[in-house]
Amino acid sequence: MILDIMLGVVAAGSLTALCLVSFKLYIKLTTGICYSQVCLRGKTTIVTGANTGIGYQTAIDFAKRGAKVILACRDETKAREAVSEIIKETNNSNVVYKLVDLTSFTSVRKFANDINSSEERLDILVNNAGAGRLGNKLTEDGIAIVMQTNYFSHFLLTMLLVDLMKKHPSRIVNVSAVGASAGKIDFKKLTSFTTEANQYIVTKLCQILFTIEFARRYKNTNITAYSLHPGVIKTEIFRNLSPIFRWFILFLIDTFFKTAREGAQTQIYCAIENGLEKYSGEHFHDCKMVKRYKSARDPSLAEKLWQESERIVKLRSVEDQI
């Protein structure tokens, strides 16, 4: 009897292990890789949140290709460490850090003014920085902190850099997430939320809708925009989870999901792959174009979000400049 139970436990454990290994292998085999050999020498790039995770890996890739890479980060100590490591790994000394705090529109405007006055061109803007759980507190601008960090500040930053990007063919890459599929926008509560989880997925839906509307409004310029889902990745985005849940989430991520380098592949692809210009406004995953989530297929929703975003960030309409 006891032997039968032990054998049953062993069999169940073996089957579970086999399933987990098979799932891990499937993830590895289906992970998209950017094989582009494009050289970025002479190009200028900005990656927000580039001191860690997929932003850091994206910055390394751009530096290896010869680009000037600007790490747009809030944490100066971590950013300077990242700059040193990137220069050491790539032998590209044209890697710099500039301060931007995405929880402050004032900081975003100061950063944009700095870029516009110091740079002659901007070829790639990767709106990568993101926060998972920072509570329901409001920023100094009176906006839910995750909503402002993940979406509104990136919207403002992009629009403040548009004129600079018009000077040469350029690309905007907006990093979304699979959770966007469950997002639902309530325009009456766009700057405040009752739950952190809903706040996060709405920000990621907004990134997709922003991409769609930007592509529509700027279709007659040399700026193109793309959104993407990088996959479920081992990053620091969940570092603010409560200890009760953090160990379990991190165990799953450590064991089964993409590394930061693997997760960065699709945003690198969207930023540099030749021939993507005709797909401006589209959504990507694993280095290929995919169908947008149902929640992101309404063009009128994208237009309304744009109008509300202009109002919230206090940005005058720029349509007359397009």
Protein backbone atom coordinates (compact mmCIF):
# COMPACT_ATOMS: atom_id res chain seq x y z
CA MET A 1 0.00 0.00 0.00
CA ILE A 2 2.69 2.45 1.03
CA LEU A 3 4.83 1.35 -1.91
CA ASP A 4 1.94 1.98 -4.30
CA ILE A 5 1.48 5.47 -2.88
CA MET A 6 5.18 6.22 -3.20
CA LEU A 7 5.24 4.97 -6.78
CA GLY A 8 2.21 7.11 -7.54
CA VAL A 9 3.86 10.20 -6.09
CA VAL A 10 7.05 9.53 -8.05
CA ALA A 11 5.08 9.03 -11.26
CA ALA A 12 3.08 12.22 -10.72
CA GLY A 13 6.24 14.15 -9.94
CA SER A 14 7.99 12.81 -13.02
CA LEU A 15 5.04 13.71 -15.23
CA THR A 16 4.90 17.21 -13.76
CA ALA A 17 8.62 17.68 -14.29
CA LEU A 18 8.31 16.46 -17.89
CA CYS A 19 5.48 18.90 -18.56
CA LEU A 20 7.43 21.80 -17.07
CA VAL A 21 10.56 20.97 -19.05
CA SER A 22 8.49 20.63 -22.24
CA PHE A 23 6.87 24.00 -21.62
CA LYS A 24 10.26 25.61 -21.01
CA LEU A 25 11.58 24.07 -24.24
CA TYR A 26 8.54 25.34 -26.15
CA ILE A 27 9.13 28.88 -24.87
CA LYS A 28 12.77 28.74 -25.94
CA LEU A 29 12.00 27.38 -29.40
CA THR A 30 9.27 29.93 -30.14
CA THR A 31 11.08 33.01 -28.83
CA GLY A 32 11.64 35.47 -31.66
CA ILE A 33 15.19 36.63 -32.35
CA CYS A 34 16.19 39.76 -34.27
CA TYR A 35 18.78 38.67 -36.82
CA SER A 36 19.09 42.07 -38.51
CA GLN A 37 22.63 43.16 -39.35
CA VAL A 38 21.66 46.85 -39.61
CA CYS A 39 24.42 49.26 -38.59
CA LEU A 40 23.39 52.28 -36.51
CA ARG A 41 26.61 54.25 -36.80
CA GLY A 42 25.78 57.95 -37.01
CA LYS A 43 22.30 57.40 -35.54
CA THR A 44 21.03 58.69 -32.20
CA THR A 45 18.78 56.58 -30.00
CA ILE A 46 16.92 57.06 -26.73
CA VAL A 47 15.75 54.22 -24.50
CA THR A 48 13.72 55.06 -21.41
CA GLY A 49 14.27 52.83 -18.41
CA ALA A 50 17.53 51.59 -19.92
CA ASN A 51 19.42 50.89 -16.71
CA THR A 52 17.87 47.46 -16.23
CA GLY A 53 15.91 44.65 -17.88
CA ILE A 54 14.93 44.72 -21.54
CA GLY A 55 15.73 48.43 -21.77
CA TYR A 56 19.31 47.73 -20.74
CA GLN A 57 19.61 44.89 -23.26
CA THR A 58 18.17 47.13 -25.98
CA ALA A 59 20.73 49.81 -25.17
CA ILE A 60 23.54 47.25 -25.38
CA ASP A 61 22.33 46.11 -28.80
CA PHE A 62 22.14 49.65 -30.16
CA ALA A 63 25.61 50.42 -28.80
CA LYS A 64 27.04 47.30 -30.45
CA ARG A 65 25.62 48.56 -33.74
CA GLY A 66 27.50 51.84 -33.35
CA ALA A 67 24.66 54.17 -32.32
CA LYS A 68 24.81 57.01 -29.88
CA VAL A 69 22.70 55.69 -27.02
CA ILE A 70 21.01 57.95 -24.49
CA LEU A 71 19.82 56.16 -21.37
CA ALA A 72 16.80 58.08 -20.09
CA CYS A 73 16.47 57.08 -16.45
CA ARG A 74 15.47 58.35 -13.02
CA ASP A 75 18.02 56.52 -10.86
CA GLU A 76 21.34 58.25 -11.52
CA THR A 77 23.48 55.71 -9.68
CA LYS A 78 22.06 52.71 -11.54
CA ALA A 79 22.11 54.59 -14.84
CA ARG A 80 25.77 55.53 -14.54
CA GLU A 81 26.63 51.95 -13.64
CA ALA A 82 24.72 50.80 -16.72
CA VAL A 83 26.56 53.29 -18.93
CA SER A 84 29.91 52.01 -17.68
CA GLU A 85 28.94 48.38 -18.25
CA ILE A 86 27.61 49.07 -21.75
CA ILE A 87 30.75 50.96 -22.77
CA LYS A 88 32.89 48.16 -21.35
CA GLU A 89 30.96 45.45 -23.19
CA THR A 90 30.57 47.21 -26.55
CA ASN A 91 33.67 49.45 -26.78
CA ASN A 92 31.29 52.23 -27.80
CA SER A 93 32.05 55.32 -25.72
CA ASN A 94 29.12 57.24 -27.21
CA VAL A 95 26.74 56.07 -24.49
CA VAL A 96 25.38 58.66 -22.07
CA TYR A 97 22.85 59.05 -19.28
CA LYS A 98 20.30 61.83 -19.00
CA LEU A 99 17.94 62.29 -16.10
CA VAL A 100 14.21 61.98 -16.59
CA ASP A 101 11.62 61.24 -13.93
CA LEU A 102 8.51 59.93 -15.65
CA THR A 103 6.40 60.67 -12.58
CA SER A 104 6.86 64.39 -13.31
CA PHE A 105 5.76 66.25 -16.44
CA THR A 106 8.17 69.02 -15.46
CA SER A 107 11.05 66.56 -15.59
CA VAL A 108 9.88 65.19 -18.94
CA ARG A 109 9.73 68.69 -20.42
CA LYS A 110 13.19 69.50 -19.06
CA PHE A 111 14.59 66.30 -20.56
CA ALA A 112 12.96 66.97 -23.94
CA ASN A 113 14.28 70.55 -23.98
CA ASP A 114 17.76 69.20 -23.28
CA ILE A 115 17.53 66.69 -26.13
CA ASN A 116 16.13 69.23 -28.58
CA SER A 117 18.91 71.69 -27.83
CA SER A 118 21.82 69.25 -27.65
CA GLU A 119 21.05 66.70 -30.37
CA GLU A 120 21.03 67.25 -34.12
CA ARG A 121 18.92 64.19 -34.78
CA LEU A 122 16.91 61.45 -33.10
CA ASP A 123 16.46 58.26 -35.10
CA ILE A 124 14.97 55.85 -32.58
CA LEU A 125 12.88 56.46 -29.46
CA VAL A 126 12.05 53.38 -27.40
CA ASN A 127 9.38 54.09 -24.80
CA ASN A 128 10.38 51.16 -22.65
CA ALA A 129 10.25 52.27 -19.00
CA GLY A 130 7.43 50.77 -17.01
CA ALA A 131 6.22 50.29 -13.45
CA GLY A 132 4.22 47.30 -12.29
CA ARG A 133 3.05 48.09 -8.77
CA LEU A 134 3.63 51.42 -7.07
CA GLY A 135 0.36 51.69 -5.20
CA ASN A 136 -2.54 54.01 -5.97
CA LYS A 137 -0.78 57.20 -4.94
CA LEU A 138 -0.83 60.23 -7.20
CA THR A 139 2.08 62.09 -8.77
CA GLU A 140 2.77 65.80 -8.33
CA ASP A 141 0.64 66.26 -11.46
CA GLY A 142 -2.35 64.61 -9.77
CA ILE A 143 -2.26 61.43 -11.87
CA ALA A 144 -2.09 57.79 -10.78
CA ILE A 145 1.63 57.06 -10.63
CA VAL A 146 1.70 53.93 -12.81
CA MET A 147 -0.55 55.58 -15.40
CA GLN A 148 1.74 58.58 -15.66
CA THR A 149 4.97 56.56 -15.64
CA ASN A 150 3.91 54.01 -18.22
CA TYR A 151 1.78 56.08 -20.57
CA PHE A 152 1.18 59.81 -20.13
CA SER A 153 4.82 60.79 -19.72
CA HIS A 154 5.79 58.71 -22.75
CA PHE A 155 3.03 60.38 -24.75
CA LEU A 156 4.29 63.81 -23.70
CA LEU A 157 7.93 62.93 -24.32
CA THR A 158 7.20 61.61 -27.80
CA MET A 159 5.24 64.67 -28.83
CA LEU A 160 7.92 67.03 -27.52
CA LEU A 161 10.54 65.23 -29.63
CA VAL A 162 8.51 64.97 -32.84
CA ASP A 163 10.08 67.97 -34.56
CA LEU A 164 13.57 66.63 -33.96
CA MET A 165 12.57 63.20 -35.27
CA LYS A 166 11.13 64.70 -38.45
CA LYS A 167 14.61 65.69 -39.63
CA HIS A 168 15.47 62.13 -40.61
CA PRO A 169 13.58 58.85 -41.07
CA SER A 170 12.89 57.75 -37.51
CA ARG A 171 11.00 55.21 -35.46
CA ILE A 172 9.04 55.21 -32.22
CA VAL A 173 8.71 51.92 -30.35
CA ASN A 174 6.08 51.62 -27.62
CA VAL A 175 6.39 48.67 -25.25
CA SER A 176 3.04 47.17 -24.29
CA ALA A 177 2.21 43.83 -22.63
CA VAL A 178 -0.06 40.83 -23.06
CA GLY A 179 -2.21 42.17 -20.22
CA ALA A 180 -3.40 44.92 -22.56
CA SER A 181 -5.87 42.40 -23.97
CA ALA A 182 -7.89 42.70 -20.75
CA GLY A 183 -7.72 46.48 -20.60
CA LYS A 184 -10.82 48.67 -20.69
CA ILE A 185 -10.57 52.45 -20.72
CA ASP A 186 -12.92 54.54 -18.63
CA PHE A 187 -12.32 58.12 -19.75
CA LYS A 188 -13.99 59.44 -16.61
CA LYS A 189 -11.29 57.77 -14.50
CA LEU A 190 -8.30 57.94 -16.82
CA THR A 191 -6.03 59.55 -14.25
CA SER A 192 -7.14 57.59 -11.17
CA PHE A 193 -7.75 53.92 -10.47
CA THR A 194 -9.16 51.79 -7.68
CA THR A 195 -6.84 48.82 -8.31
CA GLU A 196 -3.18 48.61 -9.26
CA ALA A 197 -3.71 45.67 -11.60
CA ASN A 198 -6.31 47.51 -13.68
CA GLN A 199 -4.10 50.59 -13.80
CA TYR A 200 -1.20 48.60 -15.27
CA ILE A 201 -3.15 46.83 -18.02
CA VAL A 202 -4.86 50.06 -19.05
CA THR A 203 -1.47 51.76 -19.47
CA LYS A 204 -0.39 48.97 -21.80
CA LEU A 205 -3.60 49.23 -23.83
CA CYS A 206 -3.00 52.97 -24.08
CA GLN A 207 0.45 52.34 -25.57
CA ILE A 208 -1.10 50.34 -28.40
CA LEU A 209 -3.85 52.88 -29.06
CA PHE A 210 -1.31 55.71 -28.98
CA THR A 211 0.74 53.87 -31.61
CA ILE A 212 -2.28 53.43 -33.87
CA GLU A 213 -3.32 57.07 -33.71
CA PHE A 214 0.23 58.36 -34.06
CA ALA A 215 0.69 56.31 -37.24
CA ARG A 216 -2.56 57.69 -38.63
CA ARG A 217 -1.74 61.31 -37.86
CA TYR A 218 1.86 61.11 -39.03
CA LYS A 219 1.40 58.86 -42.05
CA ASN A 220 2.68 61.56 -44.41
CA THR A 221 5.93 62.09 -42.50
CA ASN A 222 9.10 60.04 -42.20
CA ILE A 223 8.27 58.97 -38.63
CA THR A 224 6.83 55.50 -38.07
CA ALA A 225 5.57 53.91 -34.86
CA TYR A 226 5.18 50.36 -33.60
CA SER A 227 3.84 48.69 -30.47
CA LEU A 228 4.85 45.31 -29.15
CA HIS A 229 4.37 42.65 -26.51
CA PRO A 230 7.84 41.47 -25.39
CA GLY A 231 6.64 38.33 -23.64
CA VAL A 232 6.70 37.43 -19.98
CA ILE A 233 10.18 38.30 -18.84
CA LYS A 234 12.45 38.08 -15.85
CA THR A 235 12.76 41.79 -15.10
CA GLU A 236 12.60 44.07 -12.07
CA ILE A 237 9.12 45.35 -12.90
CA PHE A 238 7.66 43.25 -10.06
CA ARG A 239 10.25 44.34 -7.49
CA ASN A 240 7.56 46.25 -5.60
CA LEU A 241 5.31 43.24 -5.05
CA SER A 242 4.59 42.35 -1.44
CA PRO A 243 6.94 39.65 -0.10
CA ILE A 244 4.04 37.20 0.18
CA PHE A 245 3.60 37.06 -3.59
CA ARG A 246 7.02 38.11 -4.83
CA TRP A 247 8.82 34.83 -4.14
CA PHE A 248 6.18 32.84 -6.03
CA ILE A 249 6.08 35.19 -9.03
CA LEU A 250 9.86 35.37 -9.22
CA PHE A 251 10.10 31.56 -9.02
CA LEU A 252 7.80 31.24 -12.03
CA ILE A 253 9.65 33.92 -13.98
CA ASP A 254 13.10 32.53 -13.12
CA THR A 255 12.06 29.04 -14.15
CA PHE A 256 9.85 29.42 -17.18
CA PHE A 257 10.02 32.79 -18.85
CA LYS A 258 12.27 34.85 -21.06
CA THR A 259 15.54 36.41 -20.05
CA ALA A 260 15.84 40.17 -20.46
CA ARG A 261 17.97 39.65 -23.55
CA GLU A 262 15.33 37.42 -25.12
CA GLY A 263 12.59 39.84 -24.14
CA ALA A 264 14.37 42.75 -25.80
CA GLN A 265 14.45 41.11 -29.23
CA THR A 266 11.07 42.34 -30.49
CA GLN A 267 11.63 45.99 -29.58
CA ILE A 268 15.06 45.82 -31.21
CA TYR A 269 13.40 44.31 -34.27
CA CYS A 270 10.78 47.08 -34.43
CA ALA A 271 13.48 49.72 -34.05
CA ILE A 272 15.88 48.55 -36.77
CA GLU A 273 14.47 45.90 -39.12
CA ASN A 274 14.47 47.06 -42.75
CA GLY A 275 11.14 47.31 -44.55
CA LEU A 276 8.84 47.86 -41.57
CA GLU A 277 7.88 51.39 -42.59
CA LYS A 278 4.74 50.19 -44.38
CA TYR A 279 3.59 48.54 -41.15
CA SER A 280 3.57 51.70 -39.07
CA GLY A 281 0.92 51.48 -36.37
CA GLU A 282 0.98 47.69 -36.19
CA HIS A 283 1.55 45.43 -33.19
CA PHE A 284 4.38 42.89 -32.87
CA HIS A 285 5.35 39.86 -30.80
CA ASP A 286 8.33 37.52 -31.12
CA CYS A 287 9.71 39.58 -34.02
CA LYS A 288 6.64 39.28 -36.20
CA MET A 289 3.50 41.29 -36.76
CA VAL A 290 0.47 39.94 -34.91
CA LYS A 291 -3.23 40.75 -34.79
CA ARG A 292 -4.11 43.48 -32.32
CA TYR A 293 -6.14 42.61 -29.26
CA LYS A 294 -9.87 43.11 -29.65
CA SER A 295 -9.71 45.95 -27.12
CA ALA A 296 -7.30 47.82 -29.42
CA ARG A 297 -9.13 47.62 -32.74
CA ASP A 298 -11.41 50.65 -32.40
CA PRO A 299 -9.86 53.66 -34.21
CA SER A 300 -12.34 56.04 -32.59
CA LEU A 301 -11.10 54.90 -29.17
CA ALA A 302 -7.52 55.64 -30.22
CA GLU A 303 -8.52 59.11 -31.42
CA LYS A 304 -10.40 59.91 -28.23
CA LEU A 305 -7.47 58.74 -26.11
CA TRP A 306 -5.16 61.04 -28.07
CA GLN A 307 -7.42 64.03 -27.48
CA GLU A 308 -7.71 63.26 -23.77
CA SER A 309 -3.97 62.74 -23.52
CA GLU A 310 -3.27 66.15 -25.07
CA ARG A 311 -5.60 67.73 -22.54
CA ILE A 312 -4.17 65.89 -19.53
CA VAL A 313 -0.51 66.60 -20.32
CA LYS A 314 -1.44 70.16 -21.32
CA LEU A 315 -0.08 69.80 -24.82
CA ARG A 316 -1.51 72.00 -27.52
CA SER A 317 -2.56 70.24 -30.68
CA VAL A 318 0.33 69.72 -33.08
CA GLU A 319 -1.72 68.65 -36.06
CA ASP A 320 -1.02 71.93 -37.85
CA GLN A 321 2.69 71.12 -37.68
CA ILE A 322 2.42 67.68 -39.29
